[in-house]
Protein backbone atom coordinates (compact mmCIF):
# COMPACT_ATOMS: atom_id res chain seq x y z
CA MET A 1 0.30 -0.06 0.03
CA LYS A 2 3.04 2.70 0.78
CA TRP A 3 4.37 2.28 -2.84
CA CYS A 4 0.44 3.25 -4.30
CA GLY A 5 0.96 6.44 -1.61
CA GLY A 6 4.27 6.36 -3.50
CA ILE A 7 3.59 6.71 -6.90
CA LEU A 8 0.46 9.41 -6.61
CA CYS A 9 3.31 11.48 -4.71
CA ILE A 10 5.54 11.77 -7.70
CA ALA A 11 2.27 11.67 -10.31
CA LEU A 12 1.27 15.15 -8.20
CA MET A 13 4.72 16.23 -8.23
CA SER A 14 4.97 15.88 -12.07
CA LEU A 15 2.02 17.52 -12.72
CA LEU A 16 3.25 20.67 -10.74
CA PHE A 17 6.45 21.11 -12.04
CA THR A 18 5.74 20.40 -15.56
CA HIS A 19 2.82 23.27 -15.25
CA CYS A 20 5.22 26.11 -16.32
CA SER A 21 6.21 24.33 -19.25
CA SER A 22 2.27 23.60 -20.53
CA GLY A 23 1.85 27.38 -21.27
CA GLY A 24 4.11 27.46 -24.20
CA TYR A 25 6.71 30.34 -22.61
CA GLY A 26 9.60 28.31 -20.81
CA GLN A 27 11.41 25.11 -20.26
CA GLU A 28 11.50 22.62 -18.00
CA THR A 29 14.99 22.63 -18.23
CA ASP A 30 15.38 26.48 -17.80
CA PRO A 31 17.52 27.46 -15.02
CA ASN A 32 15.95 30.34 -14.54
CA HIS A 33 12.85 28.65 -13.62
CA VAL A 34 12.63 27.86 -10.02
CA LEU A 35 8.55 27.35 -8.57
CA ASP A 36 8.33 28.61 -4.96
CA PHE A 37 5.16 26.92 -3.20
CA SER A 38 5.74 29.19 -0.39
CA ASP A 39 5.01 32.27 -2.40
CA SER A 40 1.78 33.78 -1.72
CA THR A 41 2.62 37.84 -2.36
CA PHE A 42 0.76 38.02 -6.10
CA PRO A 43 2.32 40.23 -8.45
CA VAL A 44 0.11 43.82 -8.55
CA ILE A 45 0.06 45.63 -12.29
CA GLU A 46 -0.24 49.48 -12.78
CA ILE A 47 -1.07 50.45 -15.89
CA THR A 48 0.20 54.55 -16.47
CA THR A 49 -0.71 54.58 -20.51
CA PRO A 50 -3.76 54.86 -21.78
CA THR A 51 -5.97 55.60 -18.97
CA ALA A 52 -9.14 54.13 -18.67
CA ASP A 53 -12.29 54.98 -21.37
CA GLN A 54 -9.04 56.73 -22.73
CA GLU A 55 -10.17 58.16 -26.53
CA ILE A 56 -7.92 57.98 -29.44
CA GLN A 57 -8.33 59.09 -32.69
CA SER A 58 -7.92 56.73 -35.26
CA GLY A 59 -3.95 55.98 -36.70
CA THR A 60 -2.94 57.79 -33.08
CA ASN A 61 -0.47 55.62 -32.22
CA ILE A 62 -0.92 54.16 -28.23
CA SER A 63 1.69 53.43 -26.17
CA ILE A 64 0.71 51.09 -23.52
CA THR A 65 3.28 52.08 -20.43
CA GLY A 66 3.33 50.81 -16.94
CA LYS A 67 4.60 48.52 -14.28
CA ILE A 68 4.75 45.01 -12.52
CA THR A 69 5.99 44.55 -8.63
CA ASP A 70 6.30 41.42 -6.90
CA ASN A 71 8.56 39.04 -5.44
CA SER A 72 9.70 36.64 -8.24
CA LEU A 73 8.07 37.52 -11.39
CA TYR A 74 8.18 34.57 -13.65
CA GLN A 75 5.64 35.33 -17.37
CA GLY A 76 2.47 37.68 -18.84
CA ASN A 77 0.88 39.17 -21.21
CA ILE A 78 -0.33 41.75 -22.65
CA SER A 79 -3.15 41.55 -25.29
CA ILE A 80 -6.40 44.27 -26.68
CA LYS A 81 -9.43 42.75 -27.84
CA ASP A 82 -12.05 44.79 -29.73
CA GLU A 83 -14.58 44.56 -26.90
CA ALA A 84 -17.97 43.99 -29.43
CA THR A 85 -16.56 40.86 -31.42
CA GLY A 86 -14.03 39.70 -28.49
CA ASN A 87 -10.94 39.29 -31.55
CA LYS A 88 -7.52 39.45 -30.33
CA VAL A 89 -6.18 42.86 -32.69
CA LYS A 90 -2.67 42.70 -30.53
CA GLU A 91 -0.48 40.30 -27.95
CA GLN A 92 2.65 40.86 -26.82
CA GLN A 93 4.31 37.64 -24.76
CA TYR A 94 6.65 38.63 -21.73
CA GLU A 95 9.53 35.79 -19.63
CA ILE A 96 10.97 37.78 -16.72
CA HIS A 97 12.77 35.44 -14.76
CA GLY A 98 13.19 36.91 -10.99
CA LEU A 99 13.29 39.95 -11.71
CA SER A 100 10.73 41.98 -9.01
CA SER A 101 10.03 45.06 -10.78
CA TYR A 102 9.57 45.42 -14.71
CA ASN A 103 8.58 48.43 -16.61
CA TYR A 104 6.47 47.22 -19.68
CA SER A 105 5.82 48.90 -23.05
CA LEU A 106 4.11 48.36 -25.73
CA ASN A 107 3.19 50.39 -29.27
CA TRP A 108 -0.34 49.84 -31.47
CA SER A 109 -1.57 52.36 -33.86
CA PRO A 110 -5.76 50.85 -34.55
CA SER A 111 -7.32 52.15 -37.60
CA VAL A 112 -11.04 52.34 -37.51
CA THR A 113 -13.63 53.11 -40.27
CA LYS A 114 -16.55 53.64 -37.07
CA ILE A 115 -16.60 53.58 -33.41
CA THR A 116 -14.65 51.43 -31.50
CA SER A 117 -14.46 50.25 -28.60
CA TYR A 118 -10.74 48.38 -26.85
CA ILE A 119 -10.46 46.03 -23.62
CA ILE A 120 -6.55 46.25 -23.21
CA THR A 121 -5.35 43.58 -20.57
CA VAL A 122 -2.18 43.50 -18.45
CA ALA A 123 -1.88 39.51 -16.97
CA PHE A 124 1.11 38.80 -15.15
CA GLU A 125 1.99 35.64 -12.66
CA ASP A 126 4.94 34.57 -10.20
CA HIS A 127 6.57 31.38 -9.71
CA GLY A 128 4.47 30.91 -6.94
CA PHE A 129 1.83 30.68 -9.92
CA ASN A 130 -0.28 33.76 -8.56
CA GLU A 131 -1.65 35.29 -11.43
CA THR A 132 -2.70 39.19 -11.44
CA ALA A 133 -4.83 40.84 -14.42
CA LYS A 134 -6.13 44.64 -14.50
CA SER A 135 -7.86 45.84 -17.43
CA VAL A 136 -8.28 49.34 -19.52
CA LYS A 137 -10.90 49.76 -22.03
CA VAL A 138 -10.53 52.55 -24.63
CA LYS A 139 -12.45 53.88 -27.23
CA VAL A 140 -10.88 54.56 -30.83
CA ASN A 141 -12.97 57.12 -33.10
CA PRO A 142 -12.26 57.22 -36.97
């Protein structure tokens, strides 16, 4: 009966350690990816620009900037979706092992023929699998 418990323990640990590579960013052999099961601190996301409900003219460059802080960041992304259709129009992936602070920046120049609202979402996780996301909505005028 003891060997059953050992096999179950090995299977569970294997599942936990492969979580990182299942997202498609990291590699199990990546020496920078250290799991920290004691980490219960969630990343803090600040979106500096654009501001919530900001109106932008079509063809104008939008600079998406801000800062993420945590005791050990791992990975994240910035995604931009058309609010009406849910279609993702732009995405940027990040892999930033072990940093405690990261300033992100992404430029985007939308072109529309009718008023269109977009949801910009910044999402990051740390090495303890703590995930945080923050969004702002912007309106682009033709």
